[in-house]
Amino acid sequence: MLRRLYDWTISLAASPRALWALAFVSFIESSVFPIPPDVLIIPMVIAAPKRAWIIALVATLSSVAGALLGYFIGWGFWEQIGRPVLEFYGKTDSFDHFRESYADWGAWAVLVAGVTPLPFKVITILSGATGLSLGVFVIASIIARGLRFFVIAALLYFGGPPIRIFIEERLGLVFTLFCVMLIGGFLMVGLL
């Protein structure tokens, strides 16, 4: 089933309405869909390199809008679904402690999940459930998703088709290393 979903997503990149398809996939991926928009961005930029920046912008804005949906799912349905489950298992106190910790580190979680293969949808829902500041959430989402999609577009724009194989095989590793270096740099200068 996952393979069919992947193949369907790839076929959208060749359609005349590819930008709309990208917007749709980027939106729903941030809250519920398992296939990342990268699978559309890569063939779209390779096919039309002059549109690389508009493709990255559409993916970024749509992904942030979808992240807001995920945030509001966590914010609006947590009390009806999540809290009763925690109470049943006697874990309400554990979640309250997690919530306090997430308030301090939530922006970093959004940044890291937004640029790595970590499931961004989980972080968007948790951000709403824990009450992470909406402003902090939106800014972190814009930075993370913009960084991810514009870096992919830039690599493809300047590197051409050979970079496609590199990105598809090592995207997670590249972004994970970038996040480690970024956080390590902040730790070294004492900003964390």
N, C-alpha and C. Protein backbone atom coordinates (compact mmCIF):
# COMPACT_ATOMS: atom_id res chain seq x y z
N MET A 1 0.82 -1.19 0.00
CA MET A 1 0.00 0.00 0.00
C MET A 1 0.87 1.26 0.00
N LEU A 2 1.92 1.26 0.81
CA LEU A 2 2.80 2.43 0.88
C LEU A 2 3.46 2.70 -0.47
N ARG A 3 3.83 1.64 -1.17
CA ARG A 3 4.46 1.80 -2.49
C ARG A 3 3.48 2.43 -3.49
N ARG A 4 2.21 2.01 -3.47
CA ARG A 4 1.21 2.59 -4.36
C ARG A 4 1.01 4.07 -4.04
N LEU A 5 1.01 4.40 -2.77
CA LEU A 5 0.86 5.79 -2.36
C LEU A 5 2.04 6.62 -2.85
N TYR A 6 3.25 6.07 -2.73
CA TYR A 6 4.45 6.73 -3.20
C TYR A 6 4.39 6.94 -4.72
N ASP A 7 4.02 5.89 -5.46
CA ASP A 7 3.93 5.99 -6.92
C ASP A 7 2.88 7.02 -7.34
N TRP A 8 1.76 7.07 -6.64
CA TRP A 8 0.71 8.06 -6.93
C TRP A 8 1.25 9.46 -6.71
N THR A 9 2.00 9.65 -5.62
CA THR A 9 2.57 10.97 -5.33
C THR A 9 3.55 11.39 -6.41
N ILE A 10 4.40 10.47 -6.86
CA ILE A 10 5.36 10.77 -7.93
C ILE A 10 4.63 11.15 -9.23
N SER A 11 3.54 10.45 -9.55
CA SER A 11 2.80 10.76 -10.79
C SER A 11 2.22 12.17 -10.76
N LEU A 12 1.96 12.69 -9.58
CA LEU A 12 1.45 14.06 -9.48
C LEU A 12 2.45 15.09 -9.99
N ALA A 13 3.74 14.80 -9.84
CA ALA A 13 4.78 15.75 -10.27
C ALA A 13 4.74 16.00 -11.76
N ALA A 14 4.26 15.05 -12.54
CA ALA A 14 4.22 15.19 -13.99
C ALA A 14 2.92 15.82 -14.48
N SER A 15 1.98 16.04 -13.61
CA SER A 15 0.68 16.56 -14.04
C SER A 15 0.75 18.06 -14.31
N PRO A 16 -0.16 18.58 -15.13
CA PRO A 16 -0.19 20.02 -15.40
C PRO A 16 -0.52 20.85 -14.14
N ARG A 17 -1.11 20.20 -13.20
CA ARG A 17 -1.45 20.89 -11.94
C ARG A 17 -0.48 20.50 -10.83
N ALA A 18 0.76 20.32 -11.18
CA ALA A 18 1.76 19.85 -10.22
C ALA A 18 1.92 20.78 -9.02
N LEU A 19 1.88 22.10 -9.24
CA LEU A 19 2.01 23.03 -8.11
C LEU A 19 0.85 22.87 -7.13
N TRP A 20 -0.36 22.66 -7.65
CA TRP A 20 -1.51 22.44 -6.78
C TRP A 20 -1.35 21.13 -6.02
N ALA A 21 -0.85 20.11 -6.72
CA ALA A 21 -0.62 18.82 -6.08
C ALA A 21 0.43 18.96 -4.99
N LEU A 22 1.49 19.71 -5.28
CA LEU A 22 2.54 19.95 -4.29
C LEU A 22 1.97 20.67 -3.07
N ALA A 23 1.14 21.68 -3.32
CA ALA A 23 0.53 22.41 -2.20
C ALA A 23 -0.31 21.47 -1.35
N PHE A 24 -1.08 20.61 -2.01
CA PHE A 24 -1.94 19.66 -1.29
C PHE A 24 -1.12 18.68 -0.47
N VAL A 25 -0.11 18.05 -1.10
CA VAL A 25 0.72 17.07 -0.40
C VAL A 25 1.49 17.73 0.74
N SER A 26 2.03 18.92 0.50
CA SER A 26 2.77 19.63 1.55
C SER A 26 1.86 19.95 2.73
N PHE A 27 0.63 20.34 2.43
CA PHE A 27 -0.33 20.68 3.49
C PHE A 27 -0.67 19.46 4.34
N ILE A 28 -1.08 18.38 3.70
CA ILE A 28 -1.54 17.24 4.49
C ILE A 28 -0.39 16.45 5.12
N GLU A 29 0.81 16.54 4.54
CA GLU A 29 1.96 15.83 5.13
C GLU A 29 2.31 16.39 6.50
N SER A 30 2.06 17.65 6.72
CA SER A 30 2.40 18.26 8.00
C SER A 30 1.48 17.86 9.14
N SER A 31 0.36 17.21 8.81
CA SER A 31 -0.54 16.80 9.88
C SER A 31 -0.96 15.34 9.83
N VAL A 32 -1.04 14.71 8.63
CA VAL A 32 -1.51 13.32 8.60
C VAL A 32 -0.87 12.43 7.53
N PHE A 33 -0.39 12.96 6.41
CA PHE A 33 0.03 12.17 5.25
C PHE A 33 1.45 11.62 5.44
N PRO A 34 1.70 10.34 5.09
CA PRO A 34 3.02 9.74 5.35
C PRO A 34 4.11 10.06 4.32
N ILE A 35 3.76 10.52 3.12
CA ILE A 35 4.76 10.75 2.07
C ILE A 35 5.18 12.23 2.09
N PRO A 36 6.49 12.52 2.22
CA PRO A 36 6.94 13.91 2.27
C PRO A 36 6.87 14.59 0.90
N PRO A 37 6.72 15.91 0.89
CA PRO A 37 6.62 16.64 -0.37
C PRO A 37 7.90 16.60 -1.20
N ASP A 38 9.00 16.18 -0.61
CA ASP A 38 10.26 16.09 -1.33
C ASP A 38 10.14 15.24 -2.59
N VAL A 39 9.28 14.22 -2.53
CA VAL A 39 9.14 13.33 -3.68
C VAL A 39 8.49 14.03 -4.86
N LEU A 40 7.81 15.14 -4.62
CA LEU A 40 7.28 15.97 -5.71
C LEU A 40 8.27 17.08 -6.06
N ILE A 41 8.87 17.66 -5.06
CA ILE A 41 9.80 18.78 -5.29
C ILE A 41 10.94 18.36 -6.20
N ILE A 42 11.54 17.22 -5.94
CA ILE A 42 12.71 16.78 -6.70
C ILE A 42 12.42 16.66 -8.20
N PRO A 43 11.43 15.88 -8.62
CA PRO A 43 11.20 15.81 -10.07
C PRO A 43 10.68 17.12 -10.66
N MET A 44 9.94 17.91 -9.87
CA MET A 44 9.43 19.19 -10.39
C MET A 44 10.56 20.16 -10.68
N VAL A 45 11.53 20.26 -9.77
CA VAL A 45 12.65 21.18 -9.98
C VAL A 45 13.55 20.68 -11.10
N ILE A 46 13.76 19.39 -11.18
CA ILE A 46 14.59 18.85 -12.27
C ILE A 46 13.92 19.13 -13.61
N ALA A 47 12.59 19.01 -13.67
CA ALA A 47 11.87 19.25 -14.93
C ALA A 47 11.82 20.73 -15.30
N ALA A 48 11.77 21.61 -14.29
CA ALA A 48 11.66 23.05 -14.56
C ALA A 48 12.53 23.82 -13.57
N PRO A 49 13.86 23.81 -13.78
CA PRO A 49 14.78 24.46 -12.84
C PRO A 49 14.51 25.95 -12.62
N LYS A 50 13.98 26.63 -13.64
CA LYS A 50 13.70 28.07 -13.49
C LYS A 50 12.57 28.32 -12.49
N ARG A 51 11.80 27.30 -12.19
CA ARG A 51 10.69 27.44 -11.23
C ARG A 51 11.07 26.93 -9.84
N ALA A 52 12.34 26.65 -9.61
CA ALA A 52 12.79 26.05 -8.35
C ALA A 52 12.33 26.84 -7.14
N TRP A 53 12.46 28.16 -7.20
CA TRP A 53 12.17 28.98 -6.02
C TRP A 53 10.66 29.07 -5.75
N ILE A 54 9.86 29.10 -6.81
CA ILE A 54 8.40 29.13 -6.61
C ILE A 54 7.93 27.77 -6.08
N ILE A 55 8.56 26.70 -6.55
CA ILE A 55 8.23 25.36 -6.06
C ILE A 55 8.55 25.26 -4.56
N ALA A 56 9.72 25.74 -4.17
CA ALA A 56 10.10 25.71 -2.75
C ALA A 56 9.18 26.59 -1.92
N LEU A 57 8.80 27.73 -2.45
CA LEU A 57 7.91 28.64 -1.72
C LEU A 57 6.53 28.02 -1.52
N VAL A 58 5.98 27.42 -2.56
CA VAL A 58 4.67 26.76 -2.45
C VAL A 58 4.73 25.64 -1.41
N ALA A 59 5.78 24.84 -1.46
CA ALA A 59 5.93 23.74 -0.50
C ALA A 59 6.03 24.28 0.93
N THR A 60 6.80 25.36 1.11
CA THR A 60 6.98 25.93 2.44
C THR A 60 5.68 26.48 3.00
N LEU A 61 5.03 27.33 2.23
CA LEU A 61 3.79 27.96 2.73
C LEU A 61 2.69 26.94 2.98
N SER A 62 2.57 25.96 2.10
CA SER A 62 1.55 24.93 2.27
C SER A 62 1.86 24.04 3.46
N SER A 63 3.13 23.73 3.64
CA SER A 63 3.54 22.90 4.77
C SER A 63 3.28 23.60 6.10
N VAL A 64 3.56 24.89 6.16
CA VAL A 64 3.30 25.65 7.39
C VAL A 64 1.80 25.73 7.66
N ALA A 65 1.00 25.91 6.61
CA ALA A 65 -0.46 25.91 6.79
C ALA A 65 -0.93 24.55 7.31
N GLY A 66 -0.38 23.47 6.78
CA GLY A 66 -0.71 22.13 7.27
C GLY A 66 -0.24 21.91 8.69
N ALA A 67 0.91 22.50 9.02
CA ALA A 67 1.42 22.40 10.40
C ALA A 67 0.44 23.08 11.36
N LEU A 68 -0.16 24.17 10.93
CA LEU A 68 -1.17 24.83 11.77
C LEU A 68 -2.38 23.92 11.99
N LEU A 69 -2.75 23.17 10.96
CA LEU A 69 -3.83 22.20 11.14
C LEU A 69 -3.44 21.16 12.19
N GLY A 70 -2.22 20.64 12.10
CA GLY A 70 -1.73 19.69 13.10
C GLY A 70 -1.74 20.29 14.50
N TYR A 71 -1.28 21.53 14.60
CA TYR A 71 -1.26 22.24 15.89
C TYR A 71 -2.68 22.30 16.46
N PHE A 72 -3.64 22.68 15.62
CA PHE A 72 -5.02 22.82 16.10
C PHE A 72 -5.68 21.46 16.39
N ILE A 73 -5.22 20.41 15.74
CA ILE A 73 -5.69 19.07 16.11
C ILE A 73 -5.26 18.77 17.54
N GLY A 74 -3.98 19.01 17.82
CA GLY A 74 -3.47 18.78 19.18
C GLY A 74 -4.12 19.70 20.20
N TRP A 75 -4.33 20.93 19.82
CA TRP A 75 -4.91 21.92 20.73
C TRP A 75 -6.39 21.67 20.97
N GLY A 76 -7.12 21.34 19.91
CA GLY A 76 -8.57 21.25 20.02
C GLY A 76 -9.12 19.90 20.43
N PHE A 77 -8.38 18.83 20.19
CA PHE A 77 -8.91 17.50 20.48
C PHE A 77 -8.14 16.77 21.57
N TRP A 78 -7.14 17.41 22.13
CA TRP A 78 -6.35 16.76 23.16
C TRP A 78 -7.19 16.44 24.40
N GLU A 79 -7.96 17.38 24.84
CA GLU A 79 -8.76 17.17 26.05
C GLU A 79 -9.80 16.07 25.86
N GLN A 80 -10.39 15.98 24.66
CA GLN A 80 -11.43 14.99 24.43
C GLN A 80 -10.86 13.58 24.24
N ILE A 81 -9.66 13.48 23.68
CA ILE A 81 -9.12 12.16 23.36
C ILE A 81 -7.87 11.84 24.17
N GLY A 82 -6.88 12.71 24.11
CA GLY A 82 -5.58 12.43 24.73
C GLY A 82 -5.61 12.35 26.25
N ARG A 83 -6.18 13.34 26.89
CA ARG A 83 -6.18 13.37 28.36
C ARG A 83 -6.94 12.19 28.96
N PRO A 84 -8.14 11.82 28.47
CA PRO A 84 -8.82 10.65 29.06
C PRO A 84 -7.99 9.36 28.96
N VAL A 85 -7.25 9.21 27.85
CA VAL A 85 -6.40 8.03 27.71
C VAL A 85 -5.29 8.06 28.76
N LEU A 86 -4.66 9.24 28.94
CA LEU A 86 -3.62 9.36 29.96
C LEU A 86 -4.16 9.11 31.36
N GLU A 87 -5.35 9.63 31.65
CA GLU A 87 -5.95 9.41 32.96
C GLU A 87 -6.23 7.92 33.19
N PHE A 88 -6.72 7.25 32.19
CA PHE A 88 -7.00 5.81 32.30
C PHE A 88 -5.75 5.04 32.70
N TYR A 89 -4.60 5.43 32.10
CA TYR A 89 -3.34 4.74 32.39
C TYR A 89 -2.57 5.37 33.55
N GLY A 90 -3.14 6.40 34.19
CA GLY A 90 -2.47 7.04 35.31
C GLY A 90 -1.22 7.81 34.93
N LYS A 91 -1.19 8.38 33.75
CA LYS A 91 0.00 9.07 33.24
C LYS A 91 -0.20 10.58 33.11
N THR A 92 -1.22 11.13 33.73
CA THR A 92 -1.47 12.56 33.61
C THR A 92 -0.30 13.39 34.14
N ASP A 93 0.26 12.96 35.28
CA ASP A 93 1.39 13.70 35.85
C ASP A 93 2.60 13.66 34.93
N SER A 94 2.83 12.52 34.27
CA SER A 94 3.95 12.42 33.33
C SER A 94 3.79 13.41 32.18
N PHE A 95 2.57 13.53 31.67
CA PHE A 95 2.35 14.45 30.56
C PHE A 95 2.52 15.90 31.02
N ASP A 96 2.07 16.21 32.25
CA ASP A 96 2.24 17.57 32.76
C ASP A 96 3.72 17.93 32.85
N HIS A 97 4.55 17.00 33.26
CA HIS A 97 6.00 17.23 33.31
C HIS A 97 6.54 17.40 31.88
N PHE A 98 6.09 16.56 30.97
CA PHE A 98 6.50 16.67 29.57
C PHE A 98 6.10 18.03 28.99
N ARG A 99 4.90 18.48 29.33
CA ARG A 99 4.41 19.76 28.83
C ARG A 99 5.32 20.91 29.27
N GLU A 100 5.74 20.90 30.52
CA GLU A 100 6.64 21.95 31.02
C GLU A 100 7.97 21.92 30.28
N SER A 101 8.51 20.74 30.07
CA SER A 101 9.77 20.59 29.35
C SER A 101 9.62 21.02 27.90
N TYR A 102 8.49 20.67 27.29
CA TYR A 102 8.27 20.99 25.88
C TYR A 102 8.13 22.49 25.67
N ALA A 103 7.60 23.19 26.68
CA ALA A 103 7.50 24.65 26.58
C ALA A 103 8.88 25.27 26.42
N ASP A 104 9.89 24.67 27.07
CA ASP A 104 11.27 25.20 26.98
C ASP A 104 11.97 24.77 25.70
N TRP A 105 11.71 23.55 25.22
CA TRP A 105 12.46 22.99 24.11
C TRP A 105 11.62 22.78 22.86
N GLY A 106 10.35 23.14 22.89
CA GLY A 106 9.46 22.88 21.77
C GLY A 106 9.89 23.50 20.45
N ALA A 107 10.40 24.72 20.50
CA ALA A 107 10.84 25.38 19.27
C ALA A 107 11.94 24.57 18.59
N TRP A 108 12.85 24.01 19.40
CA TRP A 108 13.92 23.19 18.84
C TRP A 108 13.36 21.91 18.25
N ALA A 109 12.37 21.34 18.91
CA ALA A 109 11.74 20.12 18.37
C ALA A 109 11.10 20.41 17.02
N VAL A 110 10.43 21.54 16.90
CA VAL A 110 9.81 21.92 15.63
C VAL A 110 10.89 22.12 14.57
N LEU A 111 11.96 22.81 14.91
CA LEU A 111 13.04 23.05 13.96
C LEU A 111 13.67 21.74 13.48
N VAL A 112 13.99 20.87 14.43
CA VAL A 112 14.65 19.62 14.06
C VAL A 112 13.72 18.73 13.24
N ALA A 113 12.47 18.58 13.68
CA ALA A 113 11.52 17.73 12.94
C ALA A 113 11.20 18.32 11.58
N GLY A 114 11.26 19.64 11.47
CA GLY A 114 10.93 20.29 10.20
C GLY A 114 11.95 20.11 9.11
N VAL A 115 13.21 19.83 9.49
CA VAL A 115 14.26 19.68 8.47
C VAL A 115 14.78 18.27 8.35
N THR A 116 14.42 17.40 9.26
CA THR A 116 14.90 16.02 9.23
C THR A 116 13.76 15.07 8.86
N PRO A 117 14.07 13.81 8.70
CA PRO A 117 13.01 12.84 8.41
C PRO A 117 12.11 12.50 9.61
N LEU A 118 12.38 13.11 10.77
CA LEU A 118 11.49 12.87 11.91
C LEU A 118 10.07 13.24 11.50
N PRO A 119 9.08 12.55 12.04
CA PRO A 119 7.68 12.83 11.61
C PRO A 119 7.20 14.20 12.10
N PHE A 120 7.19 15.15 11.19
CA PHE A 120 6.81 16.52 11.50
C PHE A 120 5.39 16.59 12.03
N LYS A 121 4.52 15.72 11.52
CA LYS A 121 3.12 15.73 11.95
C LYS A 121 2.97 15.44 13.43
N VAL A 122 3.82 14.58 13.99
CA VAL A 122 3.76 14.28 15.42
C VAL A 122 4.11 15.53 16.23
N ILE A 123 5.13 16.24 15.79
CA ILE A 123 5.55 17.46 16.49
C ILE A 123 4.50 18.55 16.37
N THR A 124 3.85 18.66 15.21
CA THR A 124 2.83 19.70 15.07
C THR A 124 1.67 19.44 16.03
N ILE A 125 1.26 18.19 16.14
CA ILE A 125 0.15 17.84 17.05
C ILE A 125 0.58 18.01 18.50
N LEU A 126 1.79 17.56 18.84
CA LEU A 126 2.29 17.73 20.21
C LEU A 126 2.41 19.21 20.58
N SER A 127 2.79 20.02 19.62
CA SER A 127 2.93 21.46 19.89
C SER A 127 1.59 22.06 20.29
N GLY A 128 0.53 21.67 19.64
CA GLY A 128 -0.79 22.14 20.02
C GLY A 128 -1.24 21.57 21.34
N ALA A 129 -0.98 20.29 21.56
CA ALA A 129 -1.41 19.63 22.79
C ALA A 129 -0.72 20.20 24.02
N THR A 130 0.54 20.61 23.85
CA THR A 130 1.29 21.14 24.99
C THR A 130 1.12 22.65 25.15
N GLY A 131 0.47 23.27 24.19
CA GLY A 131 0.27 24.72 24.28
C GLY A 131 1.51 25.53 23.97
N LEU A 132 2.40 24.98 23.13
CA LEU A 132 3.56 25.75 22.69
C LEU A 132 3.06 27.05 22.09
N SER A 133 3.71 28.14 22.38
CA SER A 133 3.32 29.44 21.85
C SER A 133 3.10 29.35 20.34
N LEU A 134 1.93 29.79 19.90
CA LEU A 134 1.60 29.71 18.47
C LEU A 134 2.60 30.52 17.64
N GLY A 135 3.00 31.68 18.12
CA GLY A 135 3.97 32.50 17.40
C GLY A 135 5.31 31.78 17.26
N VAL A 136 5.79 31.19 18.34
CA VAL A 136 7.04 30.43 18.30
C VAL A 136 6.90 29.26 17.34
N PHE A 137 5.78 28.58 17.40
CA PHE A 137 5.53 27.45 16.53
C PHE A 137 5.56 27.85 15.05
N VAL A 138 4.87 28.93 14.72
CA VAL A 138 4.81 29.37 13.32
C VAL A 138 6.19 29.80 12.83
N ILE A 139 6.91 30.56 13.62
CA ILE A 139 8.25 31.02 13.21
C ILE A 139 9.18 29.83 13.02
N ALA A 140 9.17 28.89 13.98
CA ALA A 140 10.04 27.71 13.87
C ALA A 140 9.65 26.87 12.65
N SER A 141 8.36 26.76 12.38
CA SER A 141 7.90 25.99 11.21
C SER A 141 8.34 26.65 9.92
N ILE A 142 8.21 27.96 9.81
CA ILE A 142 8.63 28.67 8.60
C ILE A 142 10.12 28.49 8.36
N ILE A 143 10.91 28.66 9.42
CA ILE A 143 12.36 28.51 9.28
C ILE A 143 12.72 27.08 8.87
N ALA A 144 12.15 26.11 9.58
CA ALA A 144 12.51 24.71 9.33
C ALA A 144 12.07 24.24 7.95
N ARG A 145 10.82 24.46 7.63
CA ARG A 145 10.33 23.98 6.34
C ARG A 145 10.94 24.78 5.19
N GLY A 146 11.10 26.08 5.36
CA GLY A 146 11.75 26.89 4.34
C GLY A 146 13.18 26.43 4.10
N LEU A 147 13.90 26.18 5.18
CA LEU A 147 15.28 25.71 5.05
C LEU A 147 15.31 24.40 4.29
N ARG A 148 14.47 23.48 4.68
CA ARG A 148 14.47 22.17 4.04
C ARG A 148 14.16 22.27 2.54
N PHE A 149 13.07 22.94 2.20
CA PHE A 149 12.64 22.95 0.80
C PHE A 149 13.50 23.85 -0.08
N PHE A 150 13.98 24.97 0.45
CA PHE A 150 14.83 25.84 -0.36
C PHE A 150 16.22 25.24 -0.56
N VAL A 151 16.72 24.49 0.42
CA VAL A 151 18.01 23.82 0.24
C VAL A 151 17.89 22.75 -0.85
N ILE A 152 16.81 21.98 -0.81
CA ILE A 152 16.60 20.98 -1.86
C ILE A 152 16.51 21.65 -3.22
N ALA A 153 15.73 22.72 -3.32
CA ALA A 153 15.59 23.43 -4.59
C ALA A 153 16.93 23.98 -5.06
N ALA A 154 17.71 24.55 -4.15
CA ALA A 154 19.02 25.12 -4.51
C ALA A 154 19.98 24.03 -4.98
N LEU A 155 20.00 22.91 -4.28
CA LEU A 155 20.88 21.81 -4.69
C LEU A 155 20.52 21.32 -6.09
N LEU A 156 19.24 21.20 -6.35
CA LEU A 156 18.81 20.74 -7.66
C LEU A 156 19.03 21.80 -8.73
N TYR A 157 18.79 23.06 -8.39
CA TYR A 157 18.96 24.15 -9.35
C TYR A 157 20.43 24.25 -9.77
N PHE A 158 21.33 24.22 -8.79
CA PHE A 158 22.74 24.40 -9.10
C PHE A 158 23.46 23.09 -9.44
N GLY A 159 22.94 21.96 -8.95
CA GLY A 159 23.60 20.68 -9.17
C GLY A 159 23.05 19.86 -10.31
N GLY A 160 21.83 20.16 -10.72
CA GLY A 160 21.22 19.43 -11.83
C GLY A 160 20.79 18.02 -11.47
N PRO A 161 20.40 17.26 -12.47
CA PRO A 161 19.87 15.90 -12.25
C PRO A 161 20.77 14.96 -11.44
N PRO A 162 22.10 15.01 -11.54
CA PRO A 162 22.91 14.07 -10.75
C PRO A 162 22.69 14.22 -9.23
N ILE A 163 22.30 15.40 -8.82
CA ILE A 163 22.10 15.61 -7.39
C ILE A 163 20.86 14.89 -6.89
N ARG A 164 19.95 14.54 -7.79
CA ARG A 164 18.72 13.84 -7.39
C ARG A 164 19.03 12.55 -6.64
N ILE A 165 19.94 11.76 -7.17
CA ILE A 165 20.29 10.49 -6.52
C ILE A 165 20.89 10.76 -5.15
N PHE A 166 21.78 11.75 -5.09
CA PHE A 166 22.39 12.10 -3.80
C PHE A 166 21.34 12.50 -2.78
N ILE A 167 20.41 13.35 -3.17
CA ILE A 167 19.38 13.82 -2.25
C ILE A 167 18.48 12.67 -1.80
N GLU A 168 18.04 11.86 -2.75
CA GLU A 168 17.13 10.77 -2.39
C GLU A 168 17.78 9.76 -1.46
N GLU A 169 19.08 9.54 -1.62
CA GLU A 169 19.76 8.55 -0.80
C GLU A 169 20.25 9.10 0.54
N ARG A 170 20.55 10.39 0.62
CA ARG A 170 21.21 10.91 1.82
C ARG A 170 20.53 12.13 2.45
N LEU A 171 19.32 12.44 2.06
CA LEU A 171 18.65 13.63 2.56
C LEU A 171 18.54 13.64 4.08
N GLY A 172 18.09 12.57 4.64
CA GLY A 172 17.94 12.49 6.10
C GLY A 172 19.25 12.71 6.81
N LEU A 173 20.30 12.09 6.33
CA LEU A 173 21.62 12.23 6.94
C LEU A 173 22.13 13.66 6.85
N VAL A 174 22.00 14.28 5.67
CA VAL A 174 22.48 15.65 5.49
C VAL A 174 21.78 16.61 6.45
N PHE A 175 20.47 16.55 6.53
CA PHE A 175 19.74 17.46 7.40
C PHE A 175 19.97 17.15 8.87
N THR A 176 20.12 15.87 9.21
CA THR A 176 20.40 15.53 10.60
C THR A 176 21.76 16.08 11.01
N LEU A 177 22.76 15.92 10.16
CA LEU A 177 24.09 16.47 10.45
C LEU A 177 24.04 17.99 10.57
N PHE A 178 23.27 18.64 9.69
CA PHE A 178 23.12 20.08 9.76
C PHE A 178 22.54 20.49 11.11
N CYS A 179 21.51 19.80 11.58
CA CYS A 179 20.88 20.13 12.87
C CYS A 179 21.84 19.92 14.02
N VAL A 180 22.60 18.83 13.98
CA VAL A 180 23.58 18.56 15.03
C VAL A 180 24.61 19.68 15.07
N MET A 181 25.09 20.09 13.90
CA MET A 181 26.07 21.17 13.85
C MET A 181 25.47 22.49 14.33
N LEU A 182 24.23 22.77 13.95
CA LEU A 182 23.58 24.00 14.36
C LEU A 182 23.40 24.06 15.87
N ILE A 183 22.87 23.00 16.44
CA ILE A 183 22.66 22.96 17.89
C ILE A 183 24.00 22.96 18.61
N GLY A 184 24.96 22.20 18.09
CA GLY A 184 26.30 22.20 18.69
C GLY A 184 26.93 23.58 18.67
N GLY A 185 26.74 24.30 17.58
CA GLY A 185 27.26 25.67 17.50
C GLY A 185 26.63 26.58 18.54
N PHE A 186 25.31 26.48 18.72
CA PHE A 186 24.65 27.28 19.74
C PHE A 186 25.12 26.90 21.13
N LEU A 187 25.34 25.62 21.36
CA LEU A 187 25.83 25.18 22.68
C LEU A 187 27.23 25.74 22.94
N MET A 188 28.05 25.73 21.90
CA MET A 188 29.43 26.22 22.06
C MET A 188 29.48 27.71 22.40
N VAL A 189 28.58 28.50 21.84
CA VAL A 189 28.60 29.92 22.12
C VAL A 189 27.70 30.30 23.30
N GLY A 190 27.08 29.28 23.92
CA GLY A 190 26.32 29.51 25.13
C GLY A 190 24.93 30.08 24.95
N LEU A 191 24.34 29.93 23.78
CA LEU A 191 23.00 30.44 23.55
C LEU A 191 21.93 29.45 23.98
N LEU A 192 22.30 28.23 24.28
CA LEU A 192 21.33 27.24 24.78
C LEU A 192 21.59 26.95 26.23
